[in-house]
Full PDB file with SEQRES, HELIX, SHEET, SSBOND, CRYST1, ORIGX, SCALE, CONECT and MASTER records, all heavy atoms in Angstrom:
SEQRES   1 A   35  ARG GLN ASP ILE ILE LYS ALA ALA ILE GLY ALA THR LYS          
SEQRES   2 A   35  GLN LEU GLY TYR VAL GLY ALA GLY THR LEU GLU PHE LEU          
SEQRES   3 A   35  LEU ASP ARG GLU GLY HIS PHE TRP PHE                          
HELIX    1 AA1 GLN A    2  LEU A   15  1                                  14    
SHEET    1 AA1 2 LEU A  26  LEU A  27  0                                        
SHEET    2 AA1 2 PHE A  33  TRP A  34 -1                                        
CRYST1    1.000    1.000    1.000  90.00  90.00  90.00 P 1           1          
ORIGX1      1.000000  0.000000  0.000000        0.00000                         
ORIGX2      0.000000  1.000000  0.000000        0.00000                         
ORIGX3      0.000000  0.000000  1.000000        0.00000                         
SCALE1      1.000000  0.000000  0.000000        0.00000                         
SCALE2      0.000000  1.000000  0.000000        0.00000                         
SCALE3      0.000000  0.000000  1.000000        0.00000                         
ATOM      1  N   ARG A   1     133.875  96.055  67.598  1.00  0.00           N  
ATOM      2  CA  ARG A   1     133.906  97.508  67.387  1.00  0.00           C  
ATOM      3  C   ARG A   1     133.619  98.253  68.691  1.00  0.00           C  
ATOM      4  O   ARG A   1     134.316  99.215  69.038  1.00  0.00           O  
ATOM      5  CB  ARG A   1     132.902  97.888  66.296  1.00  0.00           C  
ATOM      6  CG  ARG A   1     132.900  99.375  65.939  1.00  0.00           C  
ATOM      7  CD  ARG A   1     132.145  99.638  64.644  1.00  0.00           C  
ATOM      8  NE  ARG A   1     132.881  99.097  63.497  1.00  0.00           N  
ATOM      9  CZ  ARG A   1     132.485  98.055  62.785  1.00  0.00           C  
ATOM     10  NH1 ARG A   1     131.356  97.426  63.076  1.00  0.00           N  
ATOM     11  NH2 ARG A   1     133.215  97.625  61.773  1.00  0.00           N  
ATOM     12  N   GLN A   2     132.610  97.823  69.397  1.00  0.00           N  
ATOM     13  CA  GLN A   2     132.279  98.476  70.671  1.00  0.00           C  
ATOM     14  C   GLN A   2     133.441  98.370  71.652  1.00  0.00           C  
ATOM     15  O   GLN A   2     133.773  99.340  72.348  1.00  0.00           O  
ATOM     16  CB  GLN A   2     131.018  97.845  71.261  1.00  0.00           C  
ATOM     17  CG  GLN A   2     129.749  98.154  70.486  1.00  0.00           C  
ATOM     18  CD  GLN A   2     128.548  97.388  71.007  1.00  0.00           C  
ATOM     19  OE1 GLN A   2     128.608  96.752  72.071  1.00  0.00           O  
ATOM     20  NE2 GLN A   2     127.449  97.429  70.262  1.00  0.00           N  
ATOM     21  N   ASP A   3     134.067  97.204  71.688  1.00  0.00           N  
ATOM     22  CA  ASP A   3     135.174  96.992  72.636  1.00  0.00           C  
ATOM     23  C   ASP A   3     136.384  97.863  72.285  1.00  0.00           C  
ATOM     24  O   ASP A   3     136.980  98.489  73.168  1.00  0.00           O  
ATOM     25  CB  ASP A   3     135.595  95.517  72.639  1.00  0.00           C  
ATOM     26  CG  ASP A   3     134.571  94.615  73.306  1.00  0.00           C  
ATOM     27  OD1 ASP A   3     133.686  95.144  73.999  1.00  0.00           O  
ATOM     28  OD2 ASP A   3     134.657  93.385  73.124  1.00  0.00           O  
ATOM     29  N   ILE A   4     136.767  97.916  71.004  1.00  0.00           N  
ATOM     30  CA  ILE A   4     137.968  98.667  70.636  1.00  0.00           C  
ATOM     31  C   ILE A   4     137.712 100.169  70.711  1.00  0.00           C  
ATOM     32  O   ILE A   4     138.617 100.940  71.053  1.00  0.00           O  
ATOM     33  CB  ILE A   4     138.498  98.244  69.234  1.00  0.00           C  
ATOM     34  CG1 ILE A   4     139.925  98.759  69.028  1.00  0.00           C  
ATOM     35  CG2 ILE A   4     137.568  98.702  68.125  1.00  0.00           C  
ATOM     36  CD1 ILE A   4     140.945  98.234  70.008  1.00  0.00           C  
ATOM     37  N   ILE A   5     136.490 100.607  70.426  1.00  0.00           N  
ATOM     38  CA  ILE A   5     136.158 102.024  70.578  1.00  0.00           C  
ATOM     39  C   ILE A   5     136.281 102.432  72.051  1.00  0.00           C  
ATOM     40  O   ILE A   5     136.878 103.469  72.383  1.00  0.00           O  
ATOM     41  CB  ILE A   5     134.752 102.316  70.041  1.00  0.00           C  
ATOM     42  CG1 ILE A   5     134.779 102.349  68.505  1.00  0.00           C  
ATOM     43  CG2 ILE A   5     134.211 103.648  70.583  1.00  0.00           C  
ATOM     44  CD1 ILE A   5     133.413 102.537  67.858  1.00  0.00           C  
ATOM     45  N   LYS A   6     135.736 101.611  72.945  1.00  0.00           N  
ATOM     46  CA  LYS A   6     135.823 101.900  74.381  1.00  0.00           C  
ATOM     47  C   LYS A   6     137.276 101.947  74.836  1.00  0.00           C  
ATOM     48  O   LYS A   6     137.688 102.856  75.581  1.00  0.00           O  
ATOM     49  CB  LYS A   6     135.055 100.831  75.162  1.00  0.00           C  
ATOM     50  CG  LYS A   6     135.036 101.063  76.668  1.00  0.00           C  
ATOM     51  CD  LYS A   6     134.217  99.988  77.379  1.00  0.00           C  
ATOM     52  CE  LYS A   6     134.231 100.198  78.886  1.00  0.00           C  
ATOM     53  NZ  LYS A   6     133.438  99.140  79.591  1.00  0.00           N  
ATOM     54  N   ALA A   7     138.083 100.993  74.350  1.00  0.00           N  
ATOM     55  CA  ALA A   7     139.502 100.949  74.728  1.00  0.00           C  
ATOM     56  C   ALA A   7     140.262 102.148  74.178  1.00  0.00           C  
ATOM     57  O   ALA A   7     141.125 102.723  74.859  1.00  0.00           O  
ATOM     58  CB  ALA A   7     140.133  99.648  74.229  1.00  0.00           C  
ATOM     59  N   ALA A   8     139.954 102.560  72.951  1.00  0.00           N  
ATOM     60  CA  ALA A   8     140.635 103.702  72.333  1.00  0.00           C  
ATOM     61  C   ALA A   8     140.304 104.997  73.059  1.00  0.00           C  
ATOM     62  O   ALA A   8     141.176 105.857  73.259  1.00  0.00           O  
ATOM     63  CB  ALA A   8     140.242 103.804  70.864  1.00  0.00           C  
ATOM     64  N   ILE A   9     139.057 105.160  73.448  1.00  0.00           N  
ATOM     65  CA  ILE A   9     138.660 106.356  74.204  1.00  0.00           C  
ATOM     66  C   ILE A   9     139.383 106.393  75.541  1.00  0.00           C  
ATOM     67  O   ILE A   9     139.917 107.436  75.954  1.00  0.00           O  
ATOM     68  CB  ILE A   9     137.127 106.383  74.400  1.00  0.00           C  
ATOM     69  CG1 ILE A   9     136.426 106.651  73.065  1.00  0.00           C  
ATOM     70  CG2 ILE A   9     136.728 107.445  75.429  1.00  0.00           C  
ATOM     71  CD1 ILE A   9     134.917 106.514  73.120  1.00  0.00           C  
ATOM     72  N   GLY A  10     139.418 105.254  76.226  1.00  0.00           N  
ATOM     73  CA  GLY A  10     140.110 105.193  77.518  1.00  0.00           C  
ATOM     74  C   GLY A  10     141.586 105.503  77.395  1.00  0.00           C  
ATOM     75  O   GLY A  10     142.154 106.245  78.212  1.00  0.00           O  
ATOM     76  N   ALA A  11     142.228 104.966  76.353  1.00  0.00           N  
ATOM     77  CA  ALA A  11     143.661 105.217  76.135  1.00  0.00           C  
ATOM     78  C   ALA A  11     143.915 106.687  75.846  1.00  0.00           C  
ATOM     79  O   ALA A  11     144.879 107.279  76.354  1.00  0.00           O  
ATOM     80  CB  ALA A  11     144.174 104.351  74.989  1.00  0.00           C  
ATOM     81  N   THR A  12     143.067 107.298  75.023  1.00  0.00           N  
ATOM     82  CA  THR A  12     143.229 108.711  74.666  1.00  0.00           C  
ATOM     83  C   THR A  12     143.119 109.588  75.911  1.00  0.00           C  
ATOM     84  O   THR A  12     143.878 110.552  76.079  1.00  0.00           O  
ATOM     85  CB  THR A  12     142.180 109.129  73.621  1.00  0.00           C  
ATOM     86  OG1 THR A  12     142.289 108.271  72.480  1.00  0.00           O  
ATOM     87  CG2 THR A  12     142.377 110.565  73.188  1.00  0.00           C  
ATOM     88  N   LYS A  13     142.186 109.267  76.785  1.00  0.00           N  
ATOM     89  CA  LYS A  13     142.032 110.031  78.032  1.00  0.00           C  
ATOM     90  C   LYS A  13     143.263 109.886  78.908  1.00  0.00           C  
ATOM     91  O   LYS A  13     143.756 110.868  79.477  1.00  0.00           O  
ATOM     92  CB  LYS A  13     140.781 109.570  78.770  1.00  0.00           C  
ATOM     93  CG  LYS A  13     139.475 110.007  78.117  1.00  0.00           C  
ATOM     94  CD  LYS A  13     138.262 109.566  78.936  1.00  0.00           C  
ATOM     95  CE  LYS A  13     136.972 110.072  78.324  1.00  0.00           C  
ATOM     96  NZ  LYS A  13     135.771 109.659  79.103  1.00  0.00           N  
ATOM     97  N   GLN A  14     143.779 108.661  79.030  1.00  0.00           N  
ATOM     98  CA  GLN A  14     144.966 108.452  79.866  1.00  0.00           C  
ATOM     99  C   GLN A  14     146.192 109.163  79.309  1.00  0.00           C  
ATOM    100  O   GLN A  14     147.049 109.627  80.068  1.00  0.00           O  
ATOM    101  CB  GLN A  14     145.240 106.956  79.990  1.00  0.00           C  
ATOM    102  CG  GLN A  14     144.257 106.219  80.878  1.00  0.00           C  
ATOM    103  CD  GLN A  14     144.693 104.783  81.148  1.00  0.00           C  
ATOM    104  OE1 GLN A  14     145.814 104.537  81.586  1.00  0.00           O  
ATOM    105  NE2 GLN A  14     143.810 103.834  80.868  1.00  0.00           N  
ATOM    106  N   LEU A  15     146.273 109.257  77.988  1.00  0.00           N  
ATOM    107  CA  LEU A  15     147.401 109.953  77.361  1.00  0.00           C  
ATOM    108  C   LEU A  15     147.264 111.470  77.456  1.00  0.00           C  
ATOM    109  O   LEU A  15     148.215 112.198  77.186  1.00  0.00           O  
ATOM    110  CB  LEU A  15     147.514 109.542  75.892  1.00  0.00           C  
ATOM    111  CG  LEU A  15     147.938 108.090  75.624  1.00  0.00           C  
ATOM    112  CD1 LEU A  15     147.765 107.747  74.147  1.00  0.00           C  
ATOM    113  CD2 LEU A  15     149.385 107.859  76.056  1.00  0.00           C  
ATOM    114  N   GLY A  16     146.078 111.956  77.820  1.00  0.00           N  
ATOM    115  CA  GLY A  16     145.854 113.395  77.950  1.00  0.00           C  
ATOM    116  C   GLY A  16     145.858 114.126  76.624  1.00  0.00           C  
ATOM    117  O   GLY A  16     146.193 115.314  76.559  1.00  0.00           O  
ATOM    118  N   TYR A  17     145.450 113.429  75.577  1.00  0.00           N  
ATOM    119  CA  TYR A  17     145.513 114.018  74.229  1.00  0.00           C  
ATOM    120  C   TYR A  17     144.360 114.975  73.996  1.00  0.00           C  
ATOM    121  O   TYR A  17     143.230 114.746  74.435  1.00  0.00           O  
ATOM    122  CB  TYR A  17     145.471 112.897  73.185  1.00  0.00           C  
ATOM    123  CG  TYR A  17     145.664 113.403  71.772  1.00  0.00           C  
ATOM    124  CD1 TYR A  17     146.925 113.762  71.320  1.00  0.00           C  
ATOM    125  CD2 TYR A  17     144.587 113.543  70.903  1.00  0.00           C  
ATOM    126  CE1 TYR A  17     147.119 114.237  70.042  1.00  0.00           C  
ATOM    127  CE2 TYR A  17     144.765 114.008  69.616  1.00  0.00           C  
ATOM    128  CZ  TYR A  17     146.032 114.357  69.185  1.00  0.00           C  
ATOM    129  OH  TYR A  17     146.210 114.830  67.915  1.00  0.00           O  
ATOM    130  N   VAL A  18     144.654 116.074  73.261  1.00  0.00           N  
ATOM    131  CA  VAL A  18     143.638 117.059  72.881  1.00  0.00           C  
ATOM    132  C   VAL A  18     143.769 117.341  71.390  1.00  0.00           C  
ATOM    133  O   VAL A  18     144.852 117.659  70.893  1.00  0.00           O  
ATOM    134  CB  VAL A  18     143.793 118.377  73.675  1.00  0.00           C  
ATOM    135  CG1 VAL A  18     142.811 119.425  73.175  1.00  0.00           C  
ATOM    136  CG2 VAL A  18     143.587 118.129  75.165  1.00  0.00           C  
ATOM    137  N   GLY A  19     142.652 117.235  70.662  1.00  0.00           N  
ATOM    138  CA  GLY A  19     142.642 117.517  69.225  1.00  0.00           C  
ATOM    139  C   GLY A  19     142.090 116.341  68.445  1.00  0.00           C  
ATOM    140  O   GLY A  19     141.463 115.437  69.000  1.00  0.00           O  
ATOM    141  N   ALA A  20     142.323 116.367  67.129  1.00  0.00           N  
ATOM    142  CA  ALA A  20     141.968 115.233  66.276  1.00  0.00           C  
ATOM    143  C   ALA A  20     143.170 114.300  66.208  1.00  0.00           C  
ATOM    144  O   ALA A  20     144.291 114.736  66.005  1.00  0.00           O  
ATOM    145  CB  ALA A  20     141.589 115.716  64.879  1.00  0.00           C  
ATOM    146  N   GLY A  21     142.922 113.017  66.385  1.00  0.00           N  
ATOM    147  CA  GLY A  21     144.010 112.038  66.347  1.00  0.00           C  
ATOM    148  C   GLY A  21     143.507 110.701  65.846  1.00  0.00           C  
ATOM    149  O   GLY A  21     142.299 110.462  65.796  1.00  0.00           O  
ATOM    150  N   THR A  22     144.430 109.857  65.471  1.00  0.00           N  
ATOM    151  CA  THR A  22     144.080 108.533  64.948  1.00  0.00           C  
ATOM    152  C   THR A  22     144.943 107.468  65.597  1.00  0.00           C  
ATOM    153  O   THR A  22     146.178 107.564  65.565  1.00  0.00           O  
ATOM    154  CB  THR A  22     144.266 108.484  63.413  1.00  0.00           C  
ATOM    155  OG1 THR A  22     143.493 109.529  62.810  1.00  0.00           O  
ATOM    156  CG2 THR A  22     143.824 107.146  62.862  1.00  0.00           C  
ATOM    157  N   LEU A  23     144.299 106.461  66.173  1.00  0.00           N  
ATOM    158  CA  LEU A  23     145.003 105.314  66.734  1.00  0.00           C  
ATOM    159  C   LEU A  23     145.009 104.205  65.681  1.00  0.00           C  
ATOM    160  O   LEU A  23     143.947 103.834  65.171  1.00  0.00           O  
ATOM    161  CB  LEU A  23     144.320 104.819  68.006  1.00  0.00           C  
ATOM    162  CG  LEU A  23     144.630 105.590  69.293  1.00  0.00           C  
ATOM    163  CD1 LEU A  23     143.961 106.958  69.266  1.00  0.00           C  
ATOM    164  CD2 LEU A  23     144.173 104.816  70.517  1.00  0.00           C  
ATOM    165  N   GLU A  24     146.194 103.695  65.361  1.00  0.00           N  
ATOM    166  CA  GLU A  24     146.328 102.715  64.283  1.00  0.00           C  
ATOM    167  C   GLU A  24     146.673 101.341  64.851  1.00  0.00           C  
ATOM    168  O   GLU A  24     147.506 101.216  65.752  1.00  0.00           O  
ATOM    169  CB  GLU A  24     147.386 103.171  63.286  1.00  0.00           C  
ATOM    170  CG  GLU A  24     147.080 104.553  62.699  1.00  0.00           C  
ATOM    171  CD  GLU A  24     147.737 104.770  61.352  1.00  0.00           C  
ATOM    172  OE1 GLU A  24     148.427 103.858  60.862  1.00  0.00           O  
ATOM    173  OE2 GLU A  24     147.556 105.864  60.796  1.00  0.00           O  
ATOM    174  N   PHE A  25     146.013 100.323  64.287  1.00  0.00           N  
ATOM    175  CA  PHE A  25     146.161  98.953  64.767  1.00  0.00           C  
ATOM    176  C   PHE A  25     146.376  97.991  63.602  1.00  0.00           C  
ATOM    177  O   PHE A  25     145.982  98.268  62.465  1.00  0.00           O  
ATOM    178  CB  PHE A  25     144.889  98.499  65.492  1.00  0.00           C  
ATOM    179  CG  PHE A  25     144.534  99.292  66.711  1.00  0.00           C  
ATOM    180  CD1 PHE A  25     143.809 100.480  66.604  1.00  0.00           C  
ATOM    181  CD2 PHE A  25     144.899  98.852  67.975  1.00  0.00           C  
ATOM    182  CE1 PHE A  25     143.465 101.217  67.722  1.00  0.00           C  
ATOM    183  CE2 PHE A  25     144.554  99.583  69.109  1.00  0.00           C  
ATOM    184  CZ  PHE A  25     143.837 100.769  68.977  1.00  0.00           C  
ATOM    185  N   LEU A  26     146.985  96.845  63.913  1.00  0.00           N  
ATOM    186  CA  LEU A  26     146.933  95.686  63.035  1.00  0.00           C  
ATOM    187  C   LEU A  26     145.905  94.728  63.629  1.00  0.00           C  
ATOM    188  O   LEU A  26     145.922  94.472  64.846  1.00  0.00           O  
ATOM    189  CB  LEU A  26     148.294  95.003  62.935  1.00  0.00           C  
ATOM    190  CG  LEU A  26     149.370  95.755  62.144  1.00  0.00           C  
ATOM    191  CD1 LEU A  26     150.666  94.950  62.133  1.00  0.00           C  
ATOM    192  CD2 LEU A  26     148.921  96.047  60.717  1.00  0.00           C  
ATOM    193  N   LEU A  27     145.016  94.225  62.783  1.00  0.00           N  
ATOM    194  CA  LEU A  27     144.001  93.267  63.201  1.00  0.00           C  
ATOM    195  C   LEU A  27     144.374  91.911  62.620  1.00  0.00           C  
ATOM    196  O   LEU A  27     144.421  91.743  61.396  1.00  0.00           O  
ATOM    197  CB  LEU A  27     142.627  93.712  62.687  1.00  0.00           C  
ATOM    198  CG  LEU A  27     141.457  92.760  62.928  1.00  0.00           C  
ATOM    199  CD1 LEU A  27     141.184  92.604  64.425  1.00  0.00           C  
ATOM    200  CD2 LEU A  27     140.207  93.257  62.208  1.00  0.00           C  
ATOM    201  N   ASP A  28     144.669  90.938  63.500  1.00  0.00           N  
ATOM    202  CA  ASP A  28     145.074  89.629  62.990  1.00  0.00           C  
ATOM    203  C   ASP A  28     143.850  88.755  62.710  1.00  0.00           C  
ATOM    204  O   ASP A  28     142.706  89.148  62.972  1.00  0.00           O  
ATOM    205  CB  ASP A  28     146.076  88.944  63.932  1.00  0.00           C  
ATOM    206  CG  ASP A  28     145.474  88.553  65.283  1.00  0.00           C  
ATOM    207  OD1 ASP A  28     144.241  88.386  65.382  1.00  0.00           O  
ATOM    208  OD2 ASP A  28     146.245  88.411  66.259  1.00  0.00           O  
ATOM    209  N   ARG A  29     144.105  87.570  62.189  1.00  0.00           N  
ATOM    210  CA  ARG A  29     142.996  86.705  61.774  1.00  0.00           C  
ATOM    211  C   ARG A  29     142.208  86.134  62.946  1.00  0.00           C  
ATOM    212  O   ARG A  29     141.098  85.631  62.778  1.00  0.00           O  
ATOM    213  CB  ARG A  29     143.536  85.556  60.903  1.00  0.00           C  
ATOM    214  CG  ARG A  29     143.895  86.028  59.498  1.00  0.00           C  
ATOM    215  CD  ARG A  29     144.220  84.884  58.588  1.00  0.00           C  
ATOM    216  NE  ARG A  29     144.448  85.359  57.227  1.00  0.00           N  
ATOM    217  CZ  ARG A  29     144.870  84.583  56.234  1.00  0.00           C  
ATOM    218  NH1 ARG A  29     145.103  83.298  56.449  1.00  0.00           N  
ATOM    219  NH2 ARG A  29     145.063  85.088  55.029  1.00  0.00           N  
ATOM    220  N   GLU A  30     142.773  86.200  64.130  1.00  0.00           N  
ATOM    221  CA  GLU A  30     142.047  85.746  65.325  1.00  0.00           C  
ATOM    222  C   GLU A  30     141.188  86.854  65.922  1.00  0.00           C  
ATOM    223  O   GLU A  30     140.530  86.658  66.942  1.00  0.00           O  
ATOM    224  CB  GLU A  30     143.041  85.250  66.389  1.00  0.00           C  
ATOM    225  CG  GLU A  30     143.636  83.878  66.088  1.00  0.00           C  
ATOM    226  CD  GLU A  30     144.602  83.918  64.921  1.00  0.00           C  
ATOM    227  OE1 GLU A  30     145.498  84.799  64.916  1.00  0.00           O  
ATOM    228  OE2 GLU A  30     144.458  83.082  64.000  1.00  0.00           O  
ATOM    229  N   GLY A  31     141.212  88.030  65.303  1.00  0.00           N  
ATOM    230  CA  GLY A  31     140.392  89.139  65.782  1.00  0.00           C  
ATOM    231  C   GLY A  31     141.032  89.974  66.862  1.00  0.00           C  
ATOM    232  O   GLY A  31     140.360  90.757  67.533  1.00  0.00           O  
ATOM    233  N   HIS A  32     142.364  89.857  67.044  1.00  0.00           N  
ATOM    234  CA  HIS A  32     143.072  90.635  68.062  1.00  0.00           C  
ATOM    235  C   HIS A  32     143.582  91.946  67.458  1.00  0.00           C  
ATOM    236  O   HIS A  32     144.170  91.943  66.375  1.00  0.00           O  
ATOM    237  CB  HIS A  32     144.260  89.840  68.628  1.00  0.00           C  
ATOM    238  CG  HIS A  32     143.848  88.555  69.265  1.00  0.00           C  
ATOM    239  ND1 HIS A  32     144.476  87.355  68.998  1.00  0.00           N  
ATOM    240  CD2 HIS A  32     142.862  88.274  70.147  1.00  0.00           C  
ATOM    241  CE1 HIS A  32     143.904  86.396  69.700  1.00  0.00           C  
ATOM    242  NE2 HIS A  32     142.916  86.927  70.397  1.00  0.00           N  
ATOM    243  N   PHE A  33     143.384  93.033  68.188  1.00  0.00           N  
ATOM    244  CA  PHE A  33     143.888  94.343  67.779  1.00  0.00           C  
ATOM    245  C   PHE A  33     145.253  94.586  68.414  1.00  0.00           C  
ATOM    246  O   PHE A  33     145.387  94.538  69.641  1.00  0.00           O  
ATOM    247  CB  PHE A  33     142.922  95.454  68.206  1.00  0.00           C  
ATOM    248  CG  PHE A  33     141.687  95.559  67.364  1.00  0.00           C  
ATOM    249  CD1 PHE A  33     140.554  94.827  67.680  1.00  0.00           C  
ATOM    250  CD2 PHE A  33     141.652  96.388  66.251  1.00  0.00           C  
ATOM    251  CE1 PHE A  33     139.398  94.934  66.913  1.00  0.00           C  
ATOM    252  CE2 PHE A  33     140.515  96.502  65.473  1.00  0.00           C  
ATOM    253  CZ  PHE A  33     139.382  95.766  65.804  1.00  0.00           C  
ATOM    254  N   TRP A  34     146.254  94.882  67.566  1.00  0.00           N  
ATOM    255  CA  TRP A  34     147.605  95.186  68.034  1.00  0.00           C  
ATOM    256  C   TRP A  34     147.909  96.656  67.752  1.00  0.00           C  
ATOM    257  O   TRP A  34     147.945  97.073  66.596  1.00  0.00           O  
ATOM    258  CB  TRP A  34     148.621  94.308  67.305  1.00  0.00           C  
ATOM    259  CG  TRP A  34     148.442  92.841  67.541  1.00  0.00           C  
ATOM    260  CD1 TRP A  34     147.619  91.992  66.861  1.00  0.00           C  
ATOM    261  CD2 TRP A  34     149.118  92.049  68.526  1.00  0.00           C  
ATOM    262  NE1 TRP A  34     147.740  90.716  67.347  1.00  0.00           N  
ATOM    263  CE2 TRP A  34     148.658  90.718  68.373  1.00  0.00           C  
ATOM    264  CE3 TRP A  34     150.079  92.325  69.503  1.00  0.00           C  
ATOM    265  CZ2 TRP A  34     149.113  89.673  69.175  1.00  0.00           C  
ATOM    266  CZ3 TRP A  34     150.533  91.293  70.300  1.00  0.00           C  
ATOM    267  CH2 TRP A  34     150.054  89.994  70.136  1.00  0.00           C  
ATOM    268  N   PHE A  35     148.128  97.439  68.800  1.00  0.00           N  
ATOM    269  CA  PHE A  35     148.392  98.876  68.622  1.00  0.00           C  
ATOM    270  C   PHE A  35     149.735  99.105  67.937  1.00  0.00           C  
ATOM    271  O   PHE A  35     150.749  98.519  68.326  1.00  0.00           O  
ATOM    272  CB  PHE A  35     148.377  99.592  69.970  1.00  0.00           C  
ATOM    273  CG  PHE A  35     148.720 101.051  69.878  1.00  0.00           C  
ATOM    274  CD1 PHE A  35     147.767 101.980  69.477  1.00  0.00           C  
ATOM    275  CD2 PHE A  35     150.007 101.497  70.149  1.00  0.00           C  
ATOM    276  CE1 PHE A  35     148.084 103.323  69.369  1.00  0.00           C  
ATOM    277  CE2 PHE A  35     150.328 102.840  70.045  1.00  0.00           C  
ATOM    278  CZ  PHE A  35     149.368 103.753  69.651  1.00  0.00           C  
TER     279      PHE A  35                                                      
MASTER        0    0    0    1    2    0    0    6  278    1    0    3          
END                                                                             
C-alpha cells in the first residue's frame, strides 16, 4: 500500500493533474499492480 500510494502520487504529479481523480489497477496473484 505504501509503495503504490507513493507511485500514484508521483504519477499524478508528472501528469500535471488537478482535481479529484482515480487511478485504476489490476492486482495479480503475485502482488503486481498493472495500471
